[in-house]
Amino acid sequence: MSGAELEDAVADAFRKKGYIVFVRRNHCDVLAVKPDMSLAYLVECKDYALSRKQQLLAVRELNRNYTHALEILLKNRLFPGKILKVLVAKGFAYHARGILQYTPKAFIKHVSS
């Protein structure tokens, strides 16, 4: 599964649950907001296992994209109570603090449940 296919699969799982979804906008891979504005997910998708260096870069990118996500939310007048940062990859070198980490299958299952 390529990066774009993974992003589309994650976005489809959110859409099936009724989320407001933005895909590949303003540097963000996937931004999904619950319709009741209680929660939003900012998802960075990587279609490979991350080494320590790759994971550090992915976490940095995710943190930088947080600002871009806020711009999307403000532009669309969406004000979620909380934004969760999620890193989706096939494997991880370590657990990053403050970021949820999932494999693609586990995250799609999490969203679908």
PDB file of N, CA and C in Angstrom:
ATOM      1  N   MET A   1       0.860  -1.174   0.000  1.00  0.00           N
ATOM      2  CA  MET A   1       0.000   0.000   0.000  1.00  0.00           C
ATOM      3  C   MET A   1       0.909   1.240   0.000  1.00  0.00           C
ATOM      4  N   SER A   2       0.724   2.105  -0.975  1.00  0.00           N
ATOM      5  CA  SER A   2       1.536   3.322  -1.049  1.00  0.00           C
ATOM      6  C   SER A   2       1.026   4.362  -0.049  1.00  0.00           C
ATOM      7  N   GLY A   3       1.772   5.457   0.080  1.00  0.00           N
ATOM      8  CA  GLY A   3       1.396   6.512   1.023  1.00  0.00           C
ATOM      9  C   GLY A   3       0.030   7.105   0.715  1.00  0.00           C
ATOM     10  N   ALA A   4      -0.232   7.378  -0.572  1.00  0.00           N
ATOM     11  CA  ALA A   4      -1.519   7.962  -0.957  1.00  0.00           C
ATOM     12  C   ALA A   4      -2.658   6.970  -0.721  1.00  0.00           C
ATOM     13  N   GLU A   5      -2.414   5.688  -0.991  1.00  0.00           N
ATOM     14  CA  GLU A   5      -3.450   4.676  -0.754  1.00  0.00           C
ATOM     15  C   GLU A   5      -3.755   4.554   0.731  1.00  0.00           C
ATOM     16  N   LEU A   6      -2.711   4.636   1.552  1.00  0.00           N
ATOM     17  CA  LEU A   6      -2.897   4.570   3.000  1.00  0.00           C
ATOM     18  C   LEU A   6      -3.700   5.770   3.488  1.00  0.00           C
ATOM     19  N   GLU A   7      -3.373   6.950   2.999  1.00  0.00           N
ATOM     20  CA  GLU A   7      -4.125   8.154   3.366  1.00  0.00           C
ATOM     21  C   GLU A   7      -5.588   8.013   2.965  1.00  0.00           C
ATOM     22  N   ASP A   8      -5.840   7.511   1.759  1.00  0.00           N
ATOM     23  CA  ASP A   8      -7.221   7.329   1.290  1.00  0.00           C
ATOM     24  C   ASP A   8      -7.965   6.297   2.128  1.00  0.00           C
ATOM     25  N   ALA A   9      -7.292   5.206   2.515  1.00  0.00           N
ATOM     26  CA  ALA A   9      -7.936   4.172   3.338  1.00  0.00           C
ATOM     27  C   ALA A   9      -8.317   4.733   4.709  1.00  0.00           C
ATOM     28  N   VAL A  10      -7.419   5.511   5.304  1.00  0.00           N
ATOM     29  CA  VAL A  10      -7.700   6.127   6.611  1.00  0.00           C
ATOM     30  C   VAL A  10      -8.851   7.129   6.475  1.00  0.00           C
ATOM     31  N   ALA A  11      -8.818   7.947   5.418  1.00  0.00           N
ATOM     32  CA  ALA A  11      -9.881   8.935   5.199  1.00  0.00           C
ATOM     33  C   ALA A  11     -11.229   8.252   4.989  1.00  0.00           C
ATOM     34  N   ASP A  12     -11.250   7.146   4.240  1.00  0.00           N
ATOM     35  CA  ASP A  12     -12.503   6.415   4.015  1.00  0.00           C
ATOM     36  C   ASP A  12     -13.065   5.857   5.321  1.00  0.00           C
ATOM     37  N   ALA A  13     -12.185   5.355   6.188  1.00  0.00           N
ATOM     38  CA  ALA A  13     -12.642   4.828   7.483  1.00  0.00           C
ATOM     39  C   ALA A  13     -13.293   5.940   8.305  1.00  0.00           C
ATOM     40  N   PHE A  14     -12.701   7.132   8.289  1.00  0.00           N
ATOM     41  CA  PHE A  14     -13.295   8.262   9.008  1.00  0.00           C
ATOM     42  C   PHE A  14     -14.625   8.670   8.382  1.00  0.00           C
ATOM     43  N   ARG A  15     -14.680   8.727   7.061  1.00  0.00           N
ATOM     44  CA  ARG A  15     -15.934   9.132   6.380  1.00  0.00           C
ATOM     45  C   ARG A  15     -17.068   8.178   6.717  1.00  0.00           C
ATOM     46  N   LYS A  16     -16.775   6.877   6.770  1.00  0.00           N
ATOM     47  CA  LYS A  16     -17.804   5.886   7.089  1.00  0.00           C
ATOM     48  C   LYS A  16     -18.381   6.097   8.490  1.00  0.00           C
ATOM     49  N   LYS A  17     -17.601   6.701   9.377  1.00  0.00           N
ATOM     50  CA  LYS A  17     -18.069   6.996  10.727  1.00  0.00           C
ATOM     51  C   LYS A  17     -18.676   8.387  10.838  1.00  0.00           C
ATOM     52  N   GLY A  18     -18.778   9.124   9.728  1.00  0.00           N
ATOM     53  CA  GLY A  18     -19.454  10.412   9.731  1.00  0.00           C
ATOM     54  C   GLY A  18     -18.569  11.611  10.038  1.00  0.00           C
ATOM     55  N   TYR A  19     -17.258  11.415  10.056  1.00  0.00           N
ATOM     56  CA  TYR A  19     -16.344  12.520  10.336  1.00  0.00           C
ATOM     57  C   TYR A  19     -16.271  13.483   9.154  1.00  0.00           C
ATOM     58  N   ILE A  20     -15.927  14.732   9.429  1.00  0.00           N
ATOM     59  CA  ILE A  20     -15.612  15.719   8.403  1.00  0.00           C
ATOM     60  C   ILE A  20     -14.131  15.516   8.103  1.00  0.00           C
ATOM     61  N   VAL A  21     -13.792  15.204   6.853  1.00  0.00           N
ATOM     62  CA  VAL A  21     -12.436  14.772   6.525  1.00  0.00           C
ATOM     63  C   VAL A  21     -11.795  15.687   5.488  1.00  0.00           C
ATOM     64  N   PHE A  22     -10.536  16.028   5.731  1.00  0.00           N
ATOM     65  CA  PHE A  22      -9.698  16.768   4.781  1.00  0.00           C
ATOM     66  C   PHE A  22      -8.485  15.896   4.490  1.00  0.00           C
ATOM     67  N   VAL A  23      -8.234  15.625   3.216  1.00  0.00           N
ATOM     68  CA  VAL A  23      -7.123  14.754   2.814  1.00  0.00           C
ATOM     69  C   VAL A  23      -6.137  15.540   1.962  1.00  0.00           C
ATOM     70  N   ARG A  24      -4.850  15.420   2.316  1.00  0.00           N
ATOM     71  CA  ARG A  24      -3.764  16.060   1.566  1.00  0.00           C
ATOM     72  C   ARG A  24      -4.035  17.546   1.324  1.00  0.00           C
ATOM     73  N   ARG A  25      -4.366  18.253   2.397  1.00  0.00           N
ATOM     74  CA  ARG A  25      -4.610  19.695   2.314  1.00  0.00           C
ATOM     75  C   ARG A  25      -3.650  20.429   3.227  1.00  0.00           C
ATOM     76  N   ASN A  26      -3.050  21.475   2.703  1.00  0.00           N
ATOM     77  CA  ASN A  26      -2.219  22.360   3.515  1.00  0.00           C
ATOM     78  C   ASN A  26      -1.154  21.583   4.302  1.00  0.00           C
ATOM     79  N   HIS A  27      -0.483  20.648   3.647  1.00  0.00           N
ATOM     80  CA  HIS A  27       0.600  19.815   4.196  1.00  0.00           C
ATOM     81  C   HIS A  27       0.117  18.707   5.120  1.00  0.00           C
ATOM     82  N   CYS A  28      -1.162  18.622   5.425  1.00  0.00           N
ATOM     83  CA  CYS A  28      -1.683  17.596   6.325  1.00  0.00           C
ATOM     84  C   CYS A  28      -2.118  16.378   5.522  1.00  0.00           C
ATOM     85  N   ASP A  29      -1.684  15.180   5.949  1.00  0.00           N
ATOM     86  CA  ASP A  29      -2.096  13.960   5.259  1.00  0.00           C
ATOM     87  C   ASP A  29      -3.598  13.752   5.424  1.00  0.00           C
ATOM     88  N   VAL A  30      -4.050  13.627   6.667  1.00  0.00           N
ATOM     89  CA  VAL A  30      -5.481  13.450   6.943  1.00  0.00           C
ATOM     90  C   VAL A  30      -5.832  14.267   8.192  1.00  0.00           C
ATOM     91  N   LEU A  31      -6.890  15.038   8.088  1.00  0.00           N
ATOM     92  CA  LEU A  31      -7.447  15.766   9.228  1.00  0.00           C
ATOM     93  C   LEU A  31      -8.921  15.403   9.284  1.00  0.00           C
ATOM     94  N   ALA A  32      -9.334  14.787  10.397  1.00  0.00           N
ATOM     95  CA  ALA A  32     -10.715  14.339  10.547  1.00  0.00           C
ATOM     96  C   ALA A  32     -11.317  14.947  11.809  1.00  0.00           C
ATOM     97  N   VAL A  33     -12.528  15.488  11.680  1.00  0.00           N
ATOM     98  CA  VAL A  33     -13.205  16.146  12.796  1.00  0.00           C
ATOM     99  C   VAL A  33     -14.554  15.475  13.031  1.00  0.00           C
ATOM    100  N   LYS A  34     -14.819  15.147  14.304  1.00  0.00           N
ATOM    101  CA  LYS A  34     -16.131  14.591  14.647  1.00  0.00           C
ATOM    102  C   LYS A  34     -17.192  15.654  14.405  1.00  0.00           C
ATOM    103  N   PRO A  35     -18.356  15.268  13.915  1.00  0.00           N
ATOM    104  CA  PRO A  35     -19.414  16.248  13.640  1.00  0.00           C
ATOM    105  C   PRO A  35     -19.861  17.034  14.877  1.00  0.00           C
ATOM    106  N   ASP A  36     -19.739  16.430  16.074  1.00  0.00           N
ATOM    107  CA  ASP A  36     -20.153  17.147  17.289  1.00  0.00           C
ATOM    108  C   ASP A  36     -19.041  18.052  17.844  1.00  0.00           C
ATOM    109  N   MET A  37     -17.938  18.160  17.115  1.00  0.00           N
ATOM    110  CA  MET A  37     -16.792  19.031  17.443  1.00  0.00           C
ATOM    111  C   MET A  37     -16.096  18.668  18.758  1.00  0.00           C
ATOM    112  N   SER A  38     -16.288  17.451  19.254  1.00  0.00           N
ATOM    113  CA  SER A  38     -15.630  17.069  20.498  1.00  0.00           C
ATOM    114  C   SER A  38     -14.181  16.650  20.283  1.00  0.00           C
ATOM    115  N   LEU A  39     -13.844  16.198  19.063  1.00  0.00           N
ATOM    116  CA  LEU A  39     -12.534  15.613  18.834  1.00  0.00           C
ATOM    117  C   LEU A  39     -12.121  15.733  17.374  1.00  0.00           C
ATOM    118  N   ALA A  40     -10.820  15.890  17.157  1.00  0.00           N
ATOM    119  CA  ALA A  40     -10.264  15.880  15.804  1.00  0.00           C
ATOM    120  C   ALA A  40      -9.001  15.032  15.807  1.00  0.00           C
ATOM    121  N   TYR A  41      -8.712  14.414  14.694  1.00  0.00           N
ATOM    122  CA  TYR A  41      -7.505  13.623  14.519  1.00  0.00           C
ATOM    123  C   TYR A  41      -6.659  14.260  13.427  1.00  0.00           C
ATOM    124  N   LEU A  42      -5.390  14.507  13.724  1.00  0.00           N
ATOM    125  CA  LEU A  42      -4.412  14.923  12.731  1.00  0.00           C
ATOM    126  C   LEU A  42      -3.518  13.714  12.515  1.00  0.00           C
ATOM    127  N   VAL A  43      -3.554  13.133  11.309  1.00  0.00           N
ATOM    128  CA  VAL A  43      -2.882  11.868  11.040  1.00  0.00           C
ATOM    129  C   VAL A  43      -1.763  12.062  10.028  1.00  0.00           C
ATOM    130  N   GLU A  44      -0.583  11.565  10.375  1.00  0.00           N
ATOM    131  CA  GLU A  44       0.566  11.524   9.474  1.00  0.00           C
ATOM    132  C   GLU A  44       0.752  10.067   9.083  1.00  0.00           C
ATOM    133  N   CYS A  45       0.694   9.772   7.777  1.00  0.00           N
ATOM    134  CA  CYS A  45       0.763   8.399   7.288  1.00  0.00           C
ATOM    135  C   CYS A  45       2.107   8.107   6.639  1.00  0.00           C
ATOM    136  N   LYS A  46       2.725   7.016   7.062  1.00  0.00           N
ATOM    137  CA  LYS A  46       3.963   6.525   6.457  1.00  0.00           C
ATOM    138  C   LYS A  46       3.735   5.062   6.100  1.00  0.00           C
ATOM    139  N   ASP A  47       4.055   4.681   4.872  1.00  0.00           N
ATOM    140  CA  ASP A  47       3.775   3.318   4.422  1.00  0.00           C
ATOM    141  C   ASP A  47       4.978   2.389   4.589  1.00  0.00           C
ATOM    142  N   TYR A  48       5.781   2.621   5.622  1.00  0.00           N
ATOM    143  CA  TYR A  48       6.959   1.798   5.885  1.00  0.00           C
ATOM    144  C   TYR A  48       7.253   1.820   7.384  1.00  0.00           C
ATOM    145  N   ALA A  49       8.126   0.909   7.815  1.00  0.00           N
ATOM    146  CA  ALA A  49       8.560   0.904   9.211  1.00  0.00           C
ATOM    147  C   ALA A  49       9.562   2.032   9.404  1.00  0.00           C
ATOM    148  N   LEU A  50       9.439   2.749  10.500  1.00  0.00           N
ATOM    149  CA  LEU A  50      10.277   3.920  10.746  1.00  0.00           C
ATOM    150  C   LEU A  50      11.507   3.579  11.581  1.00  0.00           C
ATOM    151  N   SER A  51      12.657   4.010  11.105  1.00  0.00           N
ATOM    152  CA  SER A  51      13.870   3.932  11.922  1.00  0.00           C
ATOM    153  C   SER A  51      13.793   5.074  12.941  1.00  0.00           C
ATOM    154  N   ARG A  52      14.723   5.120  13.862  1.00  0.00           N
ATOM    155  CA  ARG A  52      14.711   6.186  14.871  1.00  0.00           C
ATOM    156  C   ARG A  52      14.786   7.564  14.207  1.00  0.00           C
ATOM    157  N   LYS A  53      15.671   7.722  13.237  1.00  0.00           N
ATOM    158  CA  LYS A  53      15.826   9.010  12.557  1.00  0.00           C
ATOM    159  C   LYS A  53      14.569   9.364  11.764  1.00  0.00           C
ATOM    160  N   GLN A  54      14.009   8.391  11.034  1.00  0.00           N
ATOM    161  CA  GLN A  54      12.783   8.646  10.265  1.00  0.00           C
ATOM    162  C   GLN A  54      11.624   9.002  11.182  1.00  0.00           C
ATOM    163  N   GLN A  55      11.579   8.353  12.343  1.00  0.00           N
ATOM    164  CA  GLN A  55      10.493   8.642  13.269  1.00  0.00           C
ATOM    165  C   GLN A  55      10.642  10.039  13.857  1.00  0.00           C
ATOM    166  N   LEU A  56      11.859  10.439  14.182  1.00  0.00           N
ATOM    167  CA  LEU A  56      12.080  11.804  14.671  1.00  0.00           C
ATOM    168  C   LEU A  56      11.622  12.826  13.635  1.00  0.00           C
ATOM    169  N   LEU A  57      11.939  12.575  12.371  1.00  0.00           N
ATOM    170  CA  LEU A  57      11.513  13.479  11.295  1.00  0.00           C
ATOM    171  C   LEU A  57       9.999  13.482  11.140  1.00  0.00           C
ATOM    172  N   ALA A  58       9.372  12.305  11.253  1.00  0.00           N
ATOM    173  CA  ALA A  58       7.912  12.206  11.131  1.00  0.00           C
ATOM    174  C   ALA A  58       7.218  12.938  12.276  1.00  0.00           C
ATOM    175  N   VAL A  59       7.750  12.820  13.483  1.00  0.00           N
ATOM    176  CA  VAL A  59       7.171  13.508  14.642  1.00  0.00           C
ATOM    177  C   VAL A  59       7.318  15.018  14.458  1.00  0.00           C
ATOM    178  N   ARG A  60       8.473  15.447  13.986  1.00  0.00           N
ATOM    179  CA  ARG A  60       8.694  16.877  13.737  1.00  0.00           C
ATOM    180  C   ARG A  60       7.709  17.393  12.686  1.00  0.00           C
ATOM    181  N   GLU A  61       7.509  16.601  11.625  1.00  0.00           N
ATOM    182  CA  GLU A  61       6.567  16.978  10.571  1.00  0.00           C
ATOM    183  C   GLU A  61       5.141  17.050  11.107  1.00  0.00           C
ATOM    184  N   LEU A  62       4.775  16.099  11.935  1.00  0.00           N
ATOM    185  CA  LEU A  62       3.432  16.077  12.528  1.00  0.00           C
ATOM    186  C   LEU A  62       3.208  17.298  13.411  1.00  0.00           C
ATOM    187  N   ASN A  63       4.197  17.648  14.213  1.00  0.00           N
ATOM    188  CA  ASN A  63       4.079  18.832  15.070  1.00  0.00           C
ATOM    189  C   ASN A  63       3.993  20.109  14.244  1.00  0.00           C
ATOM    190  N   ARG A  64       4.740  20.181  13.154  1.00  0.00           N
ATOM    191  CA  ARG A  64       4.692  21.351  12.271  1.00  0.00           C
ATOM    192  C   ARG A  64       3.328  21.430  11.567  1.00  0.00           C
ATOM    193  N   ASN A  65       2.786  20.285  11.178  1.00  0.00           N
ATOM    194  CA  ASN A  65       1.497  20.253  10.487  1.00  0.00           C
ATOM    195  C   ASN A  65       0.332  20.628  11.404  1.00  0.00           C
ATOM    196  N   TYR A  66       0.549  20.575  12.701  1.00  0.00           N
ATOM    197  CA  TYR A  66      -0.481  20.977  13.662  1.00  0.00           C
ATOM    198  C   TYR A  66      -0.924  22.416  13.383  1.00  0.00           C
ATOM    199  N   THR A  67       0.024  23.291  13.114  1.00  0.00           N
ATOM    200  CA  THR A  67      -0.289  24.684  12.792  1.00  0.00           C
ATOM    201  C   THR A  67      -1.094  24.774  11.502  1.00  0.00           C
ATOM    202  N   HIS A  68      -0.708  23.980  10.509  1.00  0.00           N
ATOM    203  CA  HIS A  68      -1.444  23.964   9.242  1.00  0.00           C
ATOM    204  C   HIS A  68      -2.869  23.437   9.448  1.00  0.00           C
ATOM    205  N   ALA A  69      -3.019  22.472  10.334  1.00  0.00           N
ATOM    206  CA  ALA A  69      -4.349  21.931  10.634  1.00  0.00           C
ATOM    207  C   ALA A  69      -5.229  22.994  11.278  1.00  0.00           C
ATOM    208  N   LEU A  70      -4.646  23.785  12.177  1.00  0.00           N
ATOM    209  CA  LEU A  70      -5.413  24.862  12.810  1.00  0.00           C
ATOM    210  C   LEU A  70      -5.911  25.861  11.769  1.00  0.00           C
ATOM    211  N   GLU A  71      -5.088  26.136  10.755  1.00  0.00           N
ATOM    212  CA  GLU A  71      -5.510  27.042   9.672  1.00  0.00           C
ATOM    213  C   GLU A  71      -6.707  26.472   8.926  1.00  0.00           C
ATOM    214  N   ILE A  72      -6.675  25.174   8.634  1.00  0.00           N
ATOM    215  CA  ILE A  72      -7.803  24.519   7.937  1.00  0.00           C
ATOM    216  C   ILE A  72      -9.060  24.615   8.791  1.00  0.00           C
ATOM    217  N   LEU A  73      -8.932  24.318  10.082  1.00  0.00           N
ATOM    218  CA  LEU A  73     -10.092  24.345  10.979  1.00  0.00           C
ATOM    219  C   LEU A  73     -10.690  25.744  11.086  1.00  0.00           C
ATOM    220  N   LEU A  74      -9.845  26.737  11.238  1.00  0.00           N
ATOM    221  CA  LEU A  74     -10.346  28.112  11.341  1.00  0.00           C
ATOM    222  C   LEU A  74     -11.011  28.560  10.048  1.00  0.00           C
ATOM    223  N   LYS A  75     -10.403  28.220   8.924  1.00  0.00           N
ATOM    224  CA  LYS A  75     -10.951  28.609   7.624  1.00  0.00           C
ATOM    225  C   LYS A  75     -12.341  28.012   7.408  1.00  0.00           C
ATOM    226  N   ASN A  76     -12.546  26.787   7.913  1.00  0.00           N
ATOM    227  CA  ASN A  76     -13.824  26.101   7.745  1.00  0.00           C
ATOM    228  C   ASN A  76     -14.754  26.256   8.946  1.00  0.00           C
ATOM    229  N   ARG A  77     -14.365  27.130   9.880  1.00  0.00           N
ATOM    230  CA  ARG A  77     -15.159  27.414  11.080  1.00  0.00           C
ATOM    231  C   ARG A  77     -15.501  26.153  11.878  1.00  0.00           C
ATOM    232  N   LEU A  78     -14.486  25.322  12.054  1.00  0.00           N
ATOM    233  CA  LEU A  78     -14.613  24.113  12.851  1.00  0.00           C
ATOM    234  C   LEU A  78     -13.761  24.300  14.106  1.00  0.00           C
ATOM    235  N   PHE A  79     -14.349  24.059  15.265  1.00  0.00           N
ATOM    236  CA  PHE A  79     -13.650  24.297  16.519  1.00  0.00           C
ATOM    237  C   PHE A  79     -13.753  23.078  17.428  1.00  0.00           C
ATOM    238  N   PRO A  80     -12.939  22.034  17.162  1.00  0.00           N
ATOM    239  CA  PRO A  80     -13.006  20.827  17.999  1.00  0.00           C
ATOM    240  C   PRO A  80     -12.432  21.092  19.388  1.00  0.00           C
ATOM    241  N   GLY A  81     -12.935  20.355  20.369  1.00  0.00           N
ATOM    242  CA  GLY A  81     -12.472  20.509  21.736  1.00  0.00           C
ATOM    243  C   GLY A  81     -11.051  20.020  21.940  1.00  0.00           C
ATOM    244  N   LYS A  82     -10.649  19.006  21.191  1.00  0.00           N
ATOM    245  CA  LYS A  82      -9.328  18.421  21.350  1.00  0.00           C
ATOM    246  C   LYS A  82      -8.841  17.916  19.998  1.00  0.00           C
ATOM    247  N   ILE A  83      -7.536  18.059  19.752  1.00  0.00           N
ATOM    248  CA  ILE A  83      -6.935  17.538  18.525  1.00  0.00           C
ATOM    249  C   ILE A  83      -5.886  16.510  18.919  1.00  0.00           C
ATOM    250  N   LEU A  84      -6.087  15.272  18.463  1.00  0.00           N
ATOM    251  CA  LEU A  84      -5.129  14.207  18.728  1.00  0.00           C
ATOM    252  C   LEU A  84      -4.176  14.075  17.551  1.00  0.00           C
ATOM    253  N   LYS A  85      -2.881  13.974  17.847  1.00  0.00           N
ATOM    254  CA  LYS A  85      -1.873  13.767  16.807  1.00  0.00           C
ATOM    255  C   LYS A  85      -1.598  12.272  16.720  1.00  0.00           C
ATOM    256  N   VAL A  86      -1.686  11.726  15.483  1.00  0.00           N
ATOM    257  CA  VAL A  86      -1.527  10.294  15.279  1.00  0.00           C
ATOM    258  C   VAL A  86      -0.493  10.044  14.194  1.00  0.00           C
ATOM    259  N   LEU A  87       0.404   9.125  14.476  1.00  0.00           N
ATOM    260  CA  LEU A  87       1.395   8.694  13.506  1.00  0.00           C
ATOM    261  C   LEU A  87       1.060   7.263  13.121  1.00  0.00           C
ATOM    262  N   VAL A  88       0.811   7.032  11.822  1.00  0.00           N
ATOM    263  CA  VAL A  88       0.481   5.701  11.324  1.00  0.00           C
ATOM    264  C   VAL A  88       1.634   5.224  10.454  1.00  0.00           C
ATOM    265  N   ALA A  89       2.226   4.082  10.839  1.00  0.00           N
ATOM    266  CA  ALA A  89       3.334   3.503  10.083  1.00  0.00           C
ATOM    267  C   ALA A  89       3.347   1.995  10.316  1.00  0.00           C
ATOM    268  N   LYS A  90       4.152   1.288   9.533  1.00  0.00           N
ATOM    269  CA  LYS A  90       4.203  -0.168   9.663  1.00  0.00           C
ATOM    270  C   LYS A  90       5.021  -0.613  10.864  1.00  0.00           C
ATOM    271  N   GLY A  91       5.850   0.267  11.413  1.00  0.00           N
ATOM    272  CA  GLY A  91       6.641  -0.072  12.583  1.00  0.00           C
ATOM    273  C   GLY A  91       7.275   1.177  13.168  1.00  0.00           C
ATOM    274  N   PHE A  92       7.663   1.097  14.452  1.00  0.00           N
ATOM    275  CA  PHE A  92       8.201   2.254  15.147  1.00  0.00           C
ATOM    276  C   PHE A  92       9.474   1.887  15.900  1.00  0.00           C
ATOM    277  N   ALA A  93      10.408   2.812  15.990  1.00  0.00           N
ATOM    278  CA  ALA A  93      11.651   2.581  16.708  1.00  0.00           C
ATOM    279  C   ALA A  93      11.477   2.850  18.205  1.00  0.00           C
ATOM    280  N   TYR A  94      10.571   3.750  18.564  1.00  0.00           N
ATOM    281  CA  TYR A  94      10.332   4.092  19.964  1.00  0.00           C
ATOM    282  C   TYR A  94       8.955   4.715  20.088  1.00  0.00           C
ATOM    283  N   HIS A  95       8.495   4.942  21.324  1.00  0.00           N
ATOM    284  CA  HIS A  95       7.194   5.579  21.530  1.00  0.00           C
ATOM    285  C   HIS A  95       7.385   7.077  21.741  1.00  0.00           C
ATOM    286  N   ALA A  96       6.859   7.870  20.843  1.00  0.00           N
ATOM    287  CA  ALA A  96       6.960   9.329  20.931  1.00  0.00           C
ATOM    288  C   ALA A  96       5.955   9.855  21.947  1.00  0.00           C
ATOM    289  N   ARG A  97       6.396  10.768  22.785  1.00  0.00           N
ATOM    290  CA  ARG A  97       5.545  11.327  23.827  1.00  0.00           C
ATOM    291  C   ARG A  97       4.478  12.250  23.224  1.00  0.00           C
ATOM    292  N   GLY A  98       3.240  12.077  23.651  1.00  0.00           N
ATOM    293  CA  GLY A  98       2.150  12.958  23.228  1.00  0.00           C
ATOM    294  C   GLY A  98       1.574  12.641  21.858  1.00  0.00           C
ATOM    295  N   ILE A  99       2.019  11.549  21.254  1.00  0.00           N
ATOM    296  CA  ILE A  99       1.548  11.185  19.911  1.00  0.00           C
ATOM    297  C   ILE A  99       1.077   9.741  19.946  1.00  0.00           C
ATOM    298  N   LEU A 100      -0.116   9.506  19.414  1.00  0.00           N
ATOM    299  CA  LEU A 100      -0.619   8.140  19.311  1.00  0.00           C
ATOM    300  C   LEU A 100       0.053   7.475  18.115  1.00  0.00           C
ATOM    301  N   GLN A 101       0.473   6.229  18.273  1.00  0.00           N
ATOM    302  CA  GLN A 101       1.144   5.507  17.202  1.00  0.00           C
ATOM    303  C   GLN A 101       0.394   4.215  16.913  1.00  0.00           C
ATOM    304  N   TYR A 102       0.076   4.009  15.641  1.00  0.00           N
ATOM    305  CA  TYR A 102      -0.672   2.826  15.221  1.00  0.00           C
ATOM    306  C   TYR A 102      -0.086   2.263  13.935  1.00  0.00           C
ATOM    307  N   THR A 103      -0.255   0.945  13.759  1.00  0.00           N
ATOM    308  CA  THR A 103      -0.005   0.351  12.448  1.00  0.00           C
ATOM    309  C   THR A 103      -1.242   0.640  11.606  1.00  0.00           C
ATOM    310  N   PRO A 104      -1.142   0.583  10.275  1.00  0.00           N
ATOM    311  CA  PRO A 104      -2.311   0.903   9.438  1.00  0.00           C
ATOM    312  C   PRO A 104      -3.556   0.071   9.766  1.00  0.00           C
ATOM    313  N   LYS A 105      -3.399  -1.246   9.897  1.00  0.00           N
ATOM    314  CA  LYS A 105      -4.566  -2.103  10.176  1.00  0.00           C
ATOM    315  C   LYS A 105      -5.176  -1.768  11.535  1.00  0.00           C
ATOM    316  N   ALA A 106      -4.329  -1.572  12.533  1.00  0.00           N
ATOM    317  CA  ALA A 106      -4.828  -1.284  13.884  1.00  0.00           C
ATOM    318  C   ALA A 106      -5.552   0.065  13.921  1.00  0.00           C
ATOM    319  N   PHE A 107      -5.055   1.059  13.191  1.00  0.00           N
ATOM    320  CA  PHE A 107      -5.706   2.369  13.223  1.00  0.00           C
ATOM    321  C   PHE A 107      -7.048   2.339  12.500  1.00  0.00           C
ATOM    322  N   ILE A 108      -7.104   1.689  11.360  1.00  0.00           N
ATOM    323  CA  ILE A 108      -8.376   1.596  10.633  1.00  0.00           C
ATOM    324  C   ILE A 108      -9.386   0.818  11.482  1.00  0.00           C
ATOM    325  N   LYS A 109      -8.943  -0.208  12.180  1.00  0.00           N
ATOM    326  CA  LYS A 109      -9.829  -0.947  13.074  1.00  0.00           C
ATOM    327  C   LYS A 109     -10.289  -0.061  14.228  1.00  0.00           C
ATOM    328  N   HIS A 110      -9.368   0.751  14.773  1.00  0.00           N
ATOM    329  CA  HIS A 110      -9.700   1.678  15.868  1.00  0.00           C
ATOM    330  C   HIS A 110     -10.763   2.686  15.421  1.00  0.00           C
ATOM    331  N   VAL A 111     -10.594   3.256  14.240  1.00  0.00           N
ATOM    332  CA  VAL A 111     -11.544   4.247  13.731  1.00  0.00           C
ATOM    333  C   VAL A 111     -12.892   3.601  13.431  1.00  0.00           C
ATOM    334  N   SER A 112     -12.859   2.389  12.891  1.00  0.00           N
ATOM    335  CA  SER A 112     -14.093   1.700  12.494  1.00  0.00           C
ATOM    336  C   SER A 112     -14.908   1.208  13.673  1.00  0.00           C
ATOM    337  N   SER A 113     -14.264   1.011  14.830  1.00  0.00           N
ATOM    338  CA  SER A 113     -15.007   0.465  15.978  1.00  0.00           C
ATOM    339  C   SER A 113     -15.802   1.521  16.714  1.00  0.00           C
TER     340      SER A 113
END
